[in-house]
Amino acid sequence: MGNAGPRLASAPPLLLPLLLLLLRAERPQGTELTFELPDSAKQCFHEDVPRGVRLSLDYQVISGGHYDVDCSVEDPLGNTVYRETRKQYDSFTYQADVQGVYQFCFSNEFSTFSHKTVYFDLQVGDEPPILPDMENRVTALTQMEAACVTIHEALRTAVESQTHYRLREAQDRSRAEDLHSRVSYWSLGETIALFVVGVSQTLLLKSFFAEKSPINRVAHS
């Protein structure tokens, strides 16, 4: 019991540099968004990109129709640097040779009734190293610095995996709800058809028994 105090007291000084290094790690400038794209509509986004900076775009259709969308990217001069039609998902990387505002457009104009939900992740620039002098460093990393780099890479992988699984879960849920709706409507149609057929057969059989013979008609007349 007497040794517990010094051990606990020495833990914060060791964890403090690790937390500071992880908090100093910066992410490249970017945007992550999930939005609704109505039928016969087009939605565009704009991002200011410096010259010589790498930009990357990842997108995926989460729900709606055949899970496809048109995507295009234009530079500040109006030149199309990327265009794909009816893609469910795709990735695009480009080194900006012109500084200015780039336009990213998603189009659902080919669909007249399917509403889409689209997710995209736009990153501008490369991720800076977790350590300021890591690229020009000659000596080996210390144990603390190596631990920081390992934890940083593990956290980034965990974030990417969570994003991937979250998109897959949303897409599978949308497909399950769409299948449930189709099964429900089909079952309702089958029920109505069986009811109509049953009533029609009952009325038809009743008409056979209700029909009077010619002898009974003469006797009543």
Protein backbone atom coordinates (compact mmCIF):
# COMPACT_ATOMS: atom_id res chain seq x y z
CA MET A 1 0.00 0.00 0.00
CA GLY A 2 2.90 2.33 0.76
CA ASN A 3 4.31 2.10 -2.79
CA ALA A 4 1.02 2.98 -4.54
CA GLY A 5 1.41 6.71 -3.91
CA PRO A 6 4.71 7.24 -5.77
CA ARG A 7 3.58 5.16 -8.76
CA LEU A 8 0.42 7.19 -9.23
CA ALA A 9 2.29 10.41 -8.75
CA SER A 10 4.82 9.56 -11.49
CA ALA A 11 2.17 8.67 -14.11
CA PRO A 12 1.03 12.21 -15.14
CA PRO A 13 4.53 13.48 -16.10
CA LEU A 14 4.91 10.54 -18.48
CA LEU A 15 1.46 10.89 -20.03
CA LEU A 16 1.56 14.68 -20.43
CA PRO A 17 4.09 14.80 -23.34
CA LEU A 18 2.21 12.01 -25.10
CA LEU A 19 -1.09 13.88 -24.86
CA LEU A 20 0.51 17.12 -26.02
CA LEU A 21 2.01 15.49 -29.10
CA LEU A 22 -1.30 13.85 -30.02
CA LEU A 23 -3.15 17.13 -29.59
CA ARG A 24 -0.62 18.94 -31.78
CA ALA A 25 -1.25 16.55 -34.66
CA GLU A 26 -3.13 18.44 -37.34
CA ARG A 27 -5.36 17.17 -40.08
CA PRO A 28 -5.32 18.52 -43.63
CA GLN A 29 -7.97 21.08 -44.49
CA GLY A 30 -11.09 19.34 -45.66
CA THR A 31 -14.82 18.84 -45.55
CA GLU A 32 -16.88 15.77 -44.68
CA LEU A 33 -20.59 15.95 -45.43
CA THR A 34 -23.70 13.82 -45.96
CA PHE A 35 -26.49 15.57 -47.89
CA GLU A 36 -29.79 14.89 -49.63
CA LEU A 37 -29.88 15.08 -53.44
CA PRO A 38 -33.45 15.29 -54.81
CA ASP A 39 -34.46 13.79 -58.13
CA SER A 40 -33.61 15.82 -61.25
CA ALA A 41 -31.35 18.05 -59.12
CA LYS A 42 -27.71 19.11 -59.05
CA GLN A 43 -25.71 20.20 -56.02
CA CYS A 44 -22.33 21.93 -56.18
CA PHE A 45 -19.71 22.75 -53.56
CA HIS A 46 -16.70 25.07 -53.75
CA GLU A 47 -13.26 24.91 -52.17
CA ASP A 48 -10.32 27.30 -52.43
CA VAL A 49 -7.19 25.28 -53.28
CA PRO A 50 -3.68 26.77 -53.50
CA ARG A 51 -1.46 25.91 -56.44
CA GLY A 52 0.61 22.74 -56.10
CA VAL A 53 -1.54 21.36 -53.26
CA ARG A 54 -2.97 17.87 -53.53
CA LEU A 55 -6.72 17.43 -53.14
CA SER A 56 -8.58 14.15 -52.76
CA LEU A 57 -12.29 13.41 -53.03
CA ASP A 58 -14.05 10.28 -51.81
CA TYR A 59 -17.80 9.88 -52.27
CA GLN A 60 -20.44 7.20 -51.95
CA VAL A 61 -24.20 7.01 -52.49
CA ILE A 62 -25.84 5.78 -49.30
CA SER A 63 -29.45 5.43 -50.41
CA GLY A 64 -31.81 5.97 -53.30
CA GLY A 65 -32.55 4.31 -56.63
CA HIS A 66 -29.68 2.24 -57.94
CA TYR A 67 -27.23 3.97 -55.56
CA ASP A 68 -25.59 5.94 -58.38
CA VAL A 69 -24.79 9.59 -59.03
CA ASP A 70 -22.91 11.78 -61.53
CA CYS A 71 -19.86 13.61 -60.22
CA SER A 72 -17.64 16.27 -61.81
CA VAL A 73 -14.80 18.54 -60.69
CA GLU A 74 -13.87 21.80 -62.43
CA ASP A 75 -10.83 24.01 -61.88
CA PRO A 76 -11.02 27.83 -61.57
CA LEU A 77 -10.66 28.16 -65.36
CA GLY A 78 -13.73 26.01 -65.99
CA ASN A 79 -11.78 22.97 -67.21
CA THR A 80 -13.18 19.59 -66.19
CA VAL A 81 -10.50 17.63 -64.35
CA TYR A 82 -12.79 14.77 -63.30
CA ARG A 83 -16.12 13.43 -64.54
CA GLU A 84 -17.88 10.15 -63.87
CA THR A 85 -21.48 9.13 -64.56
CA ARG A 86 -23.71 6.87 -62.51
CA LYS A 87 -21.08 5.81 -60.01
CA GLN A 88 -21.99 4.22 -56.69
CA TYR A 89 -18.68 5.27 -55.13
CA ASP A 90 -15.29 6.50 -56.27
CA SER A 91 -12.06 8.23 -55.23
CA PHE A 92 -10.29 11.07 -57.00
CA THR A 93 -6.87 12.61 -56.34
CA TYR A 94 -5.53 15.68 -58.16
CA GLN A 95 -2.53 18.00 -57.89
CA ALA A 96 -3.84 21.54 -58.32
CA ASP A 97 -1.91 23.34 -61.06
CA VAL A 98 -4.10 26.45 -60.84
CA GLN A 99 -4.83 28.40 -57.70
CA GLY A 100 -8.42 29.35 -57.06
CA VAL A 101 -11.87 28.01 -56.26
CA TYR A 102 -12.55 24.47 -57.45
CA GLN A 103 -16.12 23.31 -58.02
CA PHE A 104 -17.35 19.85 -57.02
CA CYS A 105 -20.77 18.90 -58.38
CA PHE A 106 -23.06 15.92 -57.77
CA SER A 107 -25.91 15.44 -60.22
CA ASN A 108 -29.07 13.36 -60.04
CA GLU A 109 -30.59 14.91 -63.15
CA PHE A 110 -30.84 11.55 -64.93
CA SER A 111 -33.33 10.30 -62.31
CA THR A 112 -36.92 11.54 -62.39
CA PHE A 113 -38.19 10.00 -59.16
CA SER A 114 -35.29 8.56 -57.10
CA HIS A 115 -34.13 10.62 -54.13
CA LYS A 116 -30.45 10.10 -53.23
CA THR A 117 -28.36 10.46 -50.07
CA VAL A 118 -24.70 11.16 -50.84
CA TYR A 119 -21.64 11.20 -48.58
CA PHE A 120 -18.34 12.80 -49.58
CA ASP A 121 -15.01 13.54 -47.93
CA LEU A 122 -12.86 16.28 -49.44
CA GLN A 123 -9.28 16.69 -48.20
CA VAL A 124 -6.98 19.52 -49.28
CA GLY A 125 -3.27 19.12 -48.66
CA ASP A 126 -1.20 16.35 -47.11
CA GLU A 127 -1.37 15.48 -43.47
CA PRO A 128 1.56 17.13 -41.64
CA PRO A 129 3.87 14.88 -39.61
CA ILE A 130 3.03 14.46 -35.95
CA LEU A 131 6.55 15.65 -35.04
CA PRO A 132 7.70 19.00 -36.47
CA ASP A 133 11.20 17.80 -37.45
CA MET A 134 10.25 14.25 -38.35
CA GLU A 135 10.99 14.54 -42.09
CA ASN A 136 14.49 16.02 -41.68
CA ARG A 137 15.41 14.05 -38.62
CA VAL A 138 18.68 12.09 -38.64
CA THR A 139 18.57 10.38 -35.27
CA ALA A 140 16.14 7.65 -34.34
CA LEU A 141 12.89 8.41 -32.56
CA THR A 142 12.78 8.11 -28.82
CA GLN A 143 10.52 5.55 -27.19
CA MET A 144 7.96 8.23 -26.34
CA GLU A 145 7.98 9.67 -29.86
CA ALA A 146 7.68 6.24 -31.45
CA ALA A 147 4.73 5.48 -29.17
CA CYS A 148 3.08 8.75 -30.21
CA VAL A 149 3.48 7.96 -33.92
CA THR A 150 2.12 4.44 -33.43
CA ILE A 151 -0.90 5.65 -31.48
CA HIS A 152 -1.55 8.40 -34.03
CA GLU A 153 -1.52 5.92 -36.92
CA ALA A 154 -3.78 3.53 -34.99
CA LEU A 155 -6.27 6.31 -34.23
CA ARG A 156 -6.34 7.41 -37.86
CA THR A 157 -6.96 3.83 -38.99
CA ALA A 158 -9.73 3.50 -36.40
CA VAL A 159 -11.40 6.69 -37.64
CA GLU A 160 -11.27 5.53 -41.27
CA SER A 161 -12.65 2.11 -40.31
CA GLN A 162 -15.48 3.66 -38.32
CA THR A 163 -16.39 5.89 -41.24
CA HIS A 164 -16.38 2.92 -43.62
CA TYR A 165 -18.52 0.76 -41.35
CA ARG A 166 -20.89 3.65 -40.64
CA LEU A 167 -21.47 4.13 -44.38
CA ARG A 168 -21.95 0.40 -44.92
CA GLU A 169 -24.43 0.26 -42.03
CA ALA A 170 -26.40 3.22 -43.42
CA GLN A 171 -26.45 1.71 -46.92
CA ASP A 172 -27.52 -1.73 -45.66
CA ARG A 173 -30.22 -0.14 -43.50
CA SER A 174 -31.55 1.80 -46.49
CA ARG A 175 -31.68 -1.36 -48.59
CA ALA A 176 -33.40 -3.27 -45.79
CA GLU A 177 -36.02 -0.54 -45.39
CA ASP A 178 -36.57 -0.45 -49.15
CA LEU A 179 -36.98 -4.25 -49.23
CA HIS A 180 -39.36 -4.09 -46.27
CA SER A 181 -41.49 -1.50 -48.07
CA ARG A 182 -41.63 -3.59 -51.24
CA VAL A 183 -42.59 -6.73 -49.32
CA SER A 184 -45.27 -4.80 -47.40
CA TYR A 185 -46.81 -3.36 -50.58
CA TRP A 186 -46.66 -6.74 -52.30
CA SER A 187 -48.35 -8.44 -49.35
CA LEU A 188 -51.03 -5.76 -49.30
CA GLY A 189 -51.63 -6.24 -53.02
CA GLU A 190 -51.84 -10.01 -52.59
CA THR A 191 -54.33 -9.59 -49.75
CA ILE A 192 -56.55 -7.29 -51.80
CA ALA A 193 -56.37 -9.65 -54.80
CA LEU A 194 -57.34 -12.65 -52.65
CA PHE A 195 -60.21 -10.72 -51.14
CA VAL A 196 -61.52 -9.64 -54.56
CA VAL A 197 -61.21 -13.17 -55.95
CA GLY A 198 -62.96 -14.65 -52.89
CA VAL A 199 -65.86 -12.20 -53.09
CA SER A 200 -66.18 -12.73 -56.85
CA GLN A 201 -66.29 -16.52 -56.49
CA THR A 202 -68.83 -16.27 -53.68
CA LEU A 203 -71.11 -14.04 -55.76
CA LEU A 204 -70.69 -16.31 -58.77
CA LEU A 205 -71.66 -19.43 -56.81
CA LYS A 206 -74.57 -17.60 -55.22
CA SER A 207 -75.86 -16.62 -58.67
CA PHE A 208 -75.88 -20.28 -59.71
CA PHE A 209 -78.15 -21.27 -56.83
CA ALA A 210 -80.36 -18.19 -57.06
CA GLU A 211 -81.21 -18.78 -60.73
CA LYS A 212 -84.80 -20.05 -61.15
CA SER A 213 -85.78 -22.91 -63.47
CA PRO A 214 -88.25 -22.33 -66.38
CA ILE A 215 -90.95 -24.56 -64.73
CA ASN A 216 -90.98 -22.45 -61.58
CA ARG A 217 -91.23 -19.31 -63.71
CA VAL A 218 -94.34 -20.68 -65.57
CA ALA A 219 -96.01 -21.77 -62.30
CA HIS A 220 -95.55 -18.35 -60.78
CA SER A 221 -96.85 -16.66 -63.91
